[in-house]
Amino acid sequence: MKQEIKNWLKKAEHDFVTSKVNFQQEIYDASAFFCQQAVEKALKALYIRKFEKLIRTHDLVYLGKKVNLPDELLEFCDEISSFYIETRYPDSYAEFEKDYVEDAINKAEEVIKWVKENI
């Protein structure tokens, strides 16, 4: 596996751990943000593996479709794509409650696992 791909996977794993740590500290908006980032970086690793180049986008659905992510996980990507922006502003804070973010973390773990199995 190329070093660039390993680097993207390592960063995805780091962001996933950061998401879980923020969740444990009840910082749900930051947890959601890093959850989205972990999925994005994992998908980019697989995209690089498949197309031998990096794409500059935050659109998880686009990335997921390009790497043939299963429909159930594509739906999740559609749901969390906006976390990249929504988590940075105070007017969206109420949306990121414990159960919602916990579910996002579990599904993000599924995406990362799927990426690793398909890389």
N, C-alpha and C. Protein backbone atom coordinates (compact mmCIF):
# COMPACT_ATOMS: atom_id res chain seq x y z
N MET A 1 0.85 -1.18 0.00
CA MET A 1 0.00 0.00 0.00
C MET A 1 0.90 1.24 0.00
N LYS A 2 0.55 2.20 -0.83
CA LYS A 2 1.32 3.44 -0.93
C LYS A 2 1.28 4.22 0.38
N GLN A 3 2.37 4.91 0.66
CA GLN A 3 2.47 5.68 1.89
C GLN A 3 1.37 6.74 2.00
N GLU A 4 1.03 7.36 0.89
CA GLU A 4 -0.02 8.39 0.90
C GLU A 4 -1.35 7.81 1.42
N ILE A 5 -1.67 6.61 0.99
CA ILE A 5 -2.90 5.95 1.43
C ILE A 5 -2.82 5.64 2.93
N LYS A 6 -1.68 5.13 3.36
CA LYS A 6 -1.48 4.85 4.78
C LYS A 6 -1.64 6.12 5.62
N ASN A 7 -1.11 7.23 5.10
CA ASN A 7 -1.21 8.50 5.83
C ASN A 7 -2.67 8.94 5.98
N TRP A 8 -3.46 8.79 4.92
CA TRP A 8 -4.88 9.18 4.99
C TRP A 8 -5.64 8.27 5.95
N LEU A 9 -5.34 6.98 5.93
CA LEU A 9 -5.99 6.06 6.86
C LEU A 9 -5.60 6.35 8.31
N LYS A 10 -4.33 6.63 8.52
CA LYS A 10 -3.87 6.94 9.88
C LYS A 10 -4.56 8.20 10.40
N LYS A 11 -4.68 9.21 9.55
CA LYS A 11 -5.35 10.45 9.96
C LYS A 11 -6.83 10.20 10.20
N ALA A 12 -7.45 9.34 9.39
CA ALA A 12 -8.86 8.97 9.61
C ALA A 12 -9.03 8.31 10.97
N GLU A 13 -8.14 7.39 11.29
CA GLU A 13 -8.20 6.71 12.58
C GLU A 13 -7.97 7.69 13.73
N HIS A 14 -7.05 8.61 13.55
CA HIS A 14 -6.78 9.62 14.57
C HIS A 14 -8.02 10.48 14.80
N ASP A 15 -8.65 10.92 13.73
CA ASP A 15 -9.87 11.73 13.85
C ASP A 15 -11.00 10.94 14.50
N PHE A 16 -11.07 9.65 14.21
CA PHE A 16 -12.10 8.81 14.81
C PHE A 16 -11.90 8.71 16.33
N VAL A 17 -10.66 8.51 16.75
CA VAL A 17 -10.36 8.47 18.18
C VAL A 17 -10.68 9.82 18.82
N THR A 18 -10.34 10.90 18.14
CA THR A 18 -10.64 12.24 18.65
C THR A 18 -12.15 12.43 18.80
N SER A 19 -12.91 11.89 17.86
CA SER A 19 -14.37 11.95 17.96
C SER A 19 -14.85 11.24 19.22
N LYS A 20 -14.31 10.06 19.47
CA LYS A 20 -14.74 9.29 20.65
C LYS A 20 -14.33 9.97 21.95
N VAL A 21 -13.16 10.56 21.99
CA VAL A 21 -12.70 11.27 23.19
C VAL A 21 -13.61 12.47 23.47
N ASN A 22 -13.93 13.23 22.44
CA ASN A 22 -14.84 14.36 22.61
C ASN A 22 -16.22 13.89 23.07
N PHE A 23 -16.66 12.76 22.54
CA PHE A 23 -17.95 12.20 22.97
C PHE A 23 -17.93 11.87 24.46
N GLN A 24 -16.86 11.23 24.90
CA GLN A 24 -16.74 10.87 26.32
C GLN A 24 -16.73 12.11 27.21
N GLN A 25 -16.24 13.21 26.68
CA GLN A 25 -16.20 14.46 27.43
C GLN A 25 -17.48 15.28 27.25
N GLU A 26 -18.45 14.70 26.56
CA GLU A 26 -19.75 15.33 26.30
C GLU A 26 -19.64 16.60 25.45
N ILE A 27 -18.65 16.62 24.58
CA ILE A 27 -18.48 17.72 23.62
C ILE A 27 -18.99 17.19 22.28
N TYR A 28 -20.29 17.17 22.15
CA TYR A 28 -20.93 16.45 21.06
C TYR A 28 -20.74 17.11 19.70
N ASP A 29 -20.69 18.43 19.64
CA ASP A 29 -20.48 19.08 18.35
C ASP A 29 -19.09 18.76 17.80
N ALA A 30 -18.07 18.80 18.65
CA ALA A 30 -16.71 18.45 18.22
C ALA A 30 -16.62 16.98 17.86
N SER A 31 -17.31 16.15 18.61
CA SER A 31 -17.35 14.72 18.30
C SER A 31 -17.94 14.48 16.92
N ALA A 32 -19.03 15.17 16.62
CA ALA A 32 -19.66 15.04 15.30
C ALA A 32 -18.73 15.52 14.20
N PHE A 33 -18.05 16.63 14.43
CA PHE A 33 -17.11 17.17 13.44
C PHE A 33 -16.03 16.14 13.11
N PHE A 34 -15.38 15.60 14.14
CA PHE A 34 -14.30 14.65 13.90
C PHE A 34 -14.81 13.32 13.34
N CYS A 35 -16.04 12.99 13.63
CA CYS A 35 -16.67 11.82 13.04
C CYS A 35 -16.75 12.01 11.52
N GLN A 36 -17.23 13.17 11.09
CA GLN A 36 -17.32 13.49 9.66
C GLN A 36 -15.93 13.47 9.03
N GLN A 37 -14.96 14.07 9.72
CA GLN A 37 -13.61 14.12 9.19
C GLN A 37 -13.00 12.73 9.04
N ALA A 38 -13.26 11.86 9.99
CA ALA A 38 -12.74 10.49 9.92
C ALA A 38 -13.29 9.76 8.70
N VAL A 39 -14.58 9.90 8.47
CA VAL A 39 -15.20 9.26 7.31
C VAL A 39 -14.64 9.85 6.02
N GLU A 40 -14.53 11.16 5.96
CA GLU A 40 -14.00 11.81 4.75
C GLU A 40 -12.59 11.31 4.43
N LYS A 41 -11.74 11.25 5.42
CA LYS A 41 -10.36 10.85 5.19
C LYS A 41 -10.25 9.37 4.84
N ALA A 42 -11.07 8.54 5.43
CA ALA A 42 -11.07 7.12 5.07
C ALA A 42 -11.51 6.95 3.62
N LEU A 43 -12.58 7.64 3.23
CA LEU A 43 -13.05 7.55 1.85
C LEU A 43 -12.01 8.08 0.88
N LYS A 44 -11.30 9.13 1.25
CA LYS A 44 -10.25 9.66 0.39
C LYS A 44 -9.10 8.66 0.24
N ALA A 45 -8.79 7.92 1.29
CA ALA A 45 -7.75 6.89 1.19
C ALA A 45 -8.14 5.86 0.13
N LEU A 46 -9.38 5.42 0.17
CA LEU A 46 -9.84 4.43 -0.81
C LEU A 46 -9.93 5.05 -2.21
N TYR A 47 -10.33 6.31 -2.28
CA TYR A 47 -10.38 7.01 -3.57
C TYR A 47 -8.98 7.05 -4.19
N ILE A 48 -7.97 7.38 -3.38
CA ILE A 48 -6.59 7.43 -3.87
C ILE A 48 -6.16 6.04 -4.34
N ARG A 49 -6.53 5.02 -3.59
CA ARG A 49 -6.20 3.64 -3.98
C ARG A 49 -6.81 3.29 -5.33
N LYS A 50 -8.05 3.72 -5.53
CA LYS A 50 -8.78 3.37 -6.74
C LYS A 50 -8.37 4.21 -7.95
N PHE A 51 -8.17 5.51 -7.75
CA PHE A 51 -7.92 6.42 -8.87
C PHE A 51 -6.51 6.98 -8.93
N GLU A 52 -5.68 6.63 -7.95
CA GLU A 52 -4.28 7.04 -7.89
C GLU A 52 -4.09 8.55 -7.90
N LYS A 53 -5.04 9.26 -7.29
CA LYS A 53 -4.91 10.71 -7.12
C LYS A 53 -5.84 11.15 -6.01
N LEU A 54 -5.51 12.29 -5.42
CA LEU A 54 -6.34 12.87 -4.37
C LEU A 54 -7.37 13.79 -4.99
N ILE A 55 -8.56 13.78 -4.44
CA ILE A 55 -9.59 14.71 -4.88
C ILE A 55 -9.88 15.67 -3.72
N ARG A 56 -10.02 16.94 -4.05
CA ARG A 56 -10.29 17.97 -3.03
C ARG A 56 -11.78 18.22 -2.98
N THR A 57 -12.45 17.55 -2.07
CA THR A 57 -13.88 17.73 -1.86
C THR A 57 -14.22 17.32 -0.43
N HIS A 58 -15.31 17.88 0.07
CA HIS A 58 -15.83 17.46 1.37
C HIS A 58 -17.15 16.71 1.19
N ASP A 59 -17.52 16.43 -0.04
CA ASP A 59 -18.79 15.79 -0.36
C ASP A 59 -18.67 14.28 -0.16
N LEU A 60 -19.14 13.82 0.98
CA LEU A 60 -19.00 12.40 1.32
C LEU A 60 -19.81 11.50 0.40
N VAL A 61 -20.95 11.97 -0.05
CA VAL A 61 -21.78 11.16 -0.95
C VAL A 61 -21.05 10.96 -2.28
N TYR A 62 -20.48 12.01 -2.81
CA TYR A 62 -19.71 11.91 -4.06
C TYR A 62 -18.56 10.91 -3.88
N LEU A 63 -17.80 11.08 -2.81
CA LEU A 63 -16.69 10.16 -2.55
C LEU A 63 -17.19 8.73 -2.40
N GLY A 64 -18.25 8.56 -1.64
CA GLY A 64 -18.81 7.23 -1.42
C GLY A 64 -19.26 6.56 -2.70
N LYS A 65 -19.90 7.32 -3.56
CA LYS A 65 -20.34 6.76 -4.85
C LYS A 65 -19.15 6.35 -5.70
N LYS A 66 -18.11 7.16 -5.69
CA LYS A 66 -16.93 6.87 -6.52
C LYS A 66 -16.23 5.58 -6.07
N VAL A 67 -16.32 5.26 -4.79
CA VAL A 67 -15.65 4.05 -4.29
C VAL A 67 -16.63 2.90 -4.06
N ASN A 68 -17.86 3.06 -4.54
CA ASN A 68 -18.90 2.01 -4.46
C ASN A 68 -19.29 1.64 -3.02
N LEU A 69 -19.40 2.65 -2.19
CA LEU A 69 -19.86 2.44 -0.82
C LEU A 69 -21.30 1.91 -0.85
N PRO A 70 -21.65 0.94 -0.01
CA PRO A 70 -23.02 0.41 0.02
C PRO A 70 -24.04 1.51 0.31
N ASP A 71 -25.25 1.33 -0.21
CA ASP A 71 -26.30 2.35 -0.11
C ASP A 71 -26.59 2.78 1.33
N GLU A 72 -26.63 1.83 2.25
CA GLU A 72 -26.92 2.17 3.65
C GLU A 72 -25.87 3.15 4.19
N LEU A 73 -24.61 2.91 3.84
CA LEU A 73 -23.55 3.79 4.31
C LEU A 73 -23.53 5.10 3.53
N LEU A 74 -23.99 5.07 2.28
CA LEU A 74 -24.13 6.32 1.51
C LEU A 74 -25.17 7.23 2.15
N GLU A 75 -26.26 6.65 2.62
CA GLU A 75 -27.29 7.44 3.31
C GLU A 75 -26.71 8.11 4.55
N PHE A 76 -25.90 7.39 5.27
CA PHE A 76 -25.24 7.96 6.44
C PHE A 76 -24.32 9.11 6.03
N CYS A 77 -23.58 8.91 4.95
CA CYS A 77 -22.69 9.97 4.46
C CYS A 77 -23.47 11.22 4.09
N ASP A 78 -24.63 11.03 3.51
CA ASP A 78 -25.48 12.17 3.17
C ASP A 78 -25.89 12.91 4.44
N GLU A 79 -26.18 12.16 5.47
CA GLU A 79 -26.61 12.75 6.74
C GLU A 79 -25.50 13.56 7.41
N ILE A 80 -24.27 13.07 7.36
CA ILE A 80 -23.19 13.74 8.10
C ILE A 80 -22.34 14.69 7.26
N SER A 81 -22.55 14.74 5.96
CA SER A 81 -21.74 15.64 5.12
C SER A 81 -21.77 17.07 5.64
N SER A 82 -22.90 17.50 6.12
CA SER A 82 -23.04 18.89 6.57
C SER A 82 -22.37 19.15 7.92
N PHE A 83 -21.96 18.11 8.63
CA PHE A 83 -21.31 18.31 9.92
C PHE A 83 -20.06 19.18 9.78
N TYR A 84 -19.43 19.11 8.63
CA TYR A 84 -18.21 19.87 8.38
C TYR A 84 -18.44 21.36 8.62
N ILE A 85 -19.62 21.85 8.29
CA ILE A 85 -19.95 23.26 8.47
C ILE A 85 -20.79 23.47 9.74
N GLU A 86 -21.82 22.65 9.91
CA GLU A 86 -22.78 22.85 11.01
C GLU A 86 -22.16 22.84 12.40
N THR A 87 -21.13 22.08 12.58
CA THR A 87 -20.54 21.95 13.92
C THR A 87 -19.73 23.17 14.33
N ARG A 88 -19.45 24.05 13.39
CA ARG A 88 -18.59 25.19 13.70
C ARG A 88 -19.36 26.44 14.12
N TYR A 89 -20.68 26.39 14.10
CA TYR A 89 -21.47 27.58 14.39
C TYR A 89 -22.46 27.31 15.53
N PRO A 90 -22.65 28.28 16.42
CA PRO A 90 -23.48 28.04 17.61
C PRO A 90 -24.95 27.79 17.34
N ASP A 91 -25.48 28.24 16.23
CA ASP A 91 -26.92 28.06 15.97
C ASP A 91 -27.28 26.61 15.64
N SER A 92 -26.31 25.76 15.41
CA SER A 92 -26.58 24.35 15.12
C SER A 92 -26.32 23.44 16.31
N TYR A 93 -25.84 24.00 17.39
CA TYR A 93 -25.37 23.20 18.53
C TYR A 93 -26.42 22.24 19.07
N ALA A 94 -27.67 22.67 19.17
CA ALA A 94 -28.72 21.84 19.78
C ALA A 94 -28.94 20.53 19.03
N GLU A 95 -28.62 20.51 17.75
CA GLU A 95 -28.83 19.31 16.93
C GLU A 95 -27.93 18.16 17.37
N PHE A 96 -26.80 18.47 17.95
CA PHE A 96 -25.81 17.45 18.26
C PHE A 96 -25.96 16.96 19.70
N GLU A 97 -26.95 16.10 19.87
CA GLU A 97 -27.22 15.52 21.18
C GLU A 97 -26.58 14.14 21.28
N LYS A 98 -26.47 13.65 22.49
CA LYS A 98 -25.74 12.43 22.79
C LYS A 98 -26.12 11.24 21.92
N ASP A 99 -27.39 10.87 21.89
CA ASP A 99 -27.81 9.67 21.14
C ASP A 99 -27.54 9.81 19.65
N TYR A 100 -27.77 10.99 19.12
CA TYR A 100 -27.55 11.26 17.70
C TYR A 100 -26.08 11.09 17.33
N VAL A 101 -25.20 11.66 18.14
CA VAL A 101 -23.77 11.59 17.87
C VAL A 101 -23.25 10.18 18.11
N GLU A 102 -23.76 9.51 19.12
CA GLU A 102 -23.34 8.13 19.38
C GLU A 102 -23.66 7.23 18.18
N ASP A 103 -24.82 7.42 17.60
CA ASP A 103 -25.20 6.67 16.40
C ASP A 103 -24.26 7.00 15.24
N ALA A 104 -23.91 8.27 15.10
CA ALA A 104 -23.00 8.69 14.03
C ALA A 104 -21.63 8.04 14.21
N ILE A 105 -21.16 7.98 15.43
CA ILE A 105 -19.86 7.34 15.70
C ILE A 105 -19.90 5.87 15.31
N ASN A 106 -20.96 5.18 15.67
CA ASN A 106 -21.08 3.75 15.33
C ASN A 106 -21.11 3.53 13.83
N LYS A 107 -21.83 4.38 13.12
CA LYS A 107 -21.90 4.24 11.66
C LYS A 107 -20.58 4.64 11.00
N ALA A 108 -19.92 5.64 11.55
CA ALA A 108 -18.61 6.02 11.02
C ALA A 108 -17.63 4.86 11.15
N GLU A 109 -17.72 4.16 12.25
CA GLU A 109 -16.86 2.99 12.45
C GLU A 109 -17.14 1.93 11.38
N GLU A 110 -18.40 1.77 11.00
CA GLU A 110 -18.75 0.84 9.92
C GLU A 110 -18.13 1.27 8.60
N VAL A 111 -18.17 2.57 8.31
CA VAL A 111 -17.58 3.07 7.06
C VAL A 111 -16.08 2.81 7.06
N ILE A 112 -15.43 3.14 8.14
CA ILE A 112 -13.98 2.96 8.22
C ILE A 112 -13.62 1.48 8.07
N LYS A 113 -14.37 0.62 8.72
CA LYS A 113 -14.14 -0.83 8.59
C LYS A 113 -14.33 -1.27 7.15
N TRP A 114 -15.40 -0.79 6.50
CA TRP A 114 -15.66 -1.15 5.11
C TRP A 114 -14.52 -0.68 4.21
N VAL A 115 -14.04 0.53 4.44
CA VAL A 115 -12.93 1.06 3.64
C VAL A 115 -11.71 0.16 3.79
N LYS A 116 -11.37 -0.20 5.02
CA LYS A 116 -10.19 -1.04 5.25
C LYS A 116 -10.33 -2.40 4.58
N GLU A 117 -11.54 -2.93 4.55
CA GLU A 117 -11.77 -4.22 3.90
C GLU A 117 -11.68 -4.12 2.38
N ASN A 118 -11.85 -2.93 1.85
CA ASN A 118 -11.90 -2.76 0.40
C ASN A 118 -10.71 -2.01 -0.18
N ILE A 119 -9.73 -1.74 0.64
CA ILE A 119 -8.60 -0.94 0.15
C ILE A 119 -7.52 -1.79 -0.50
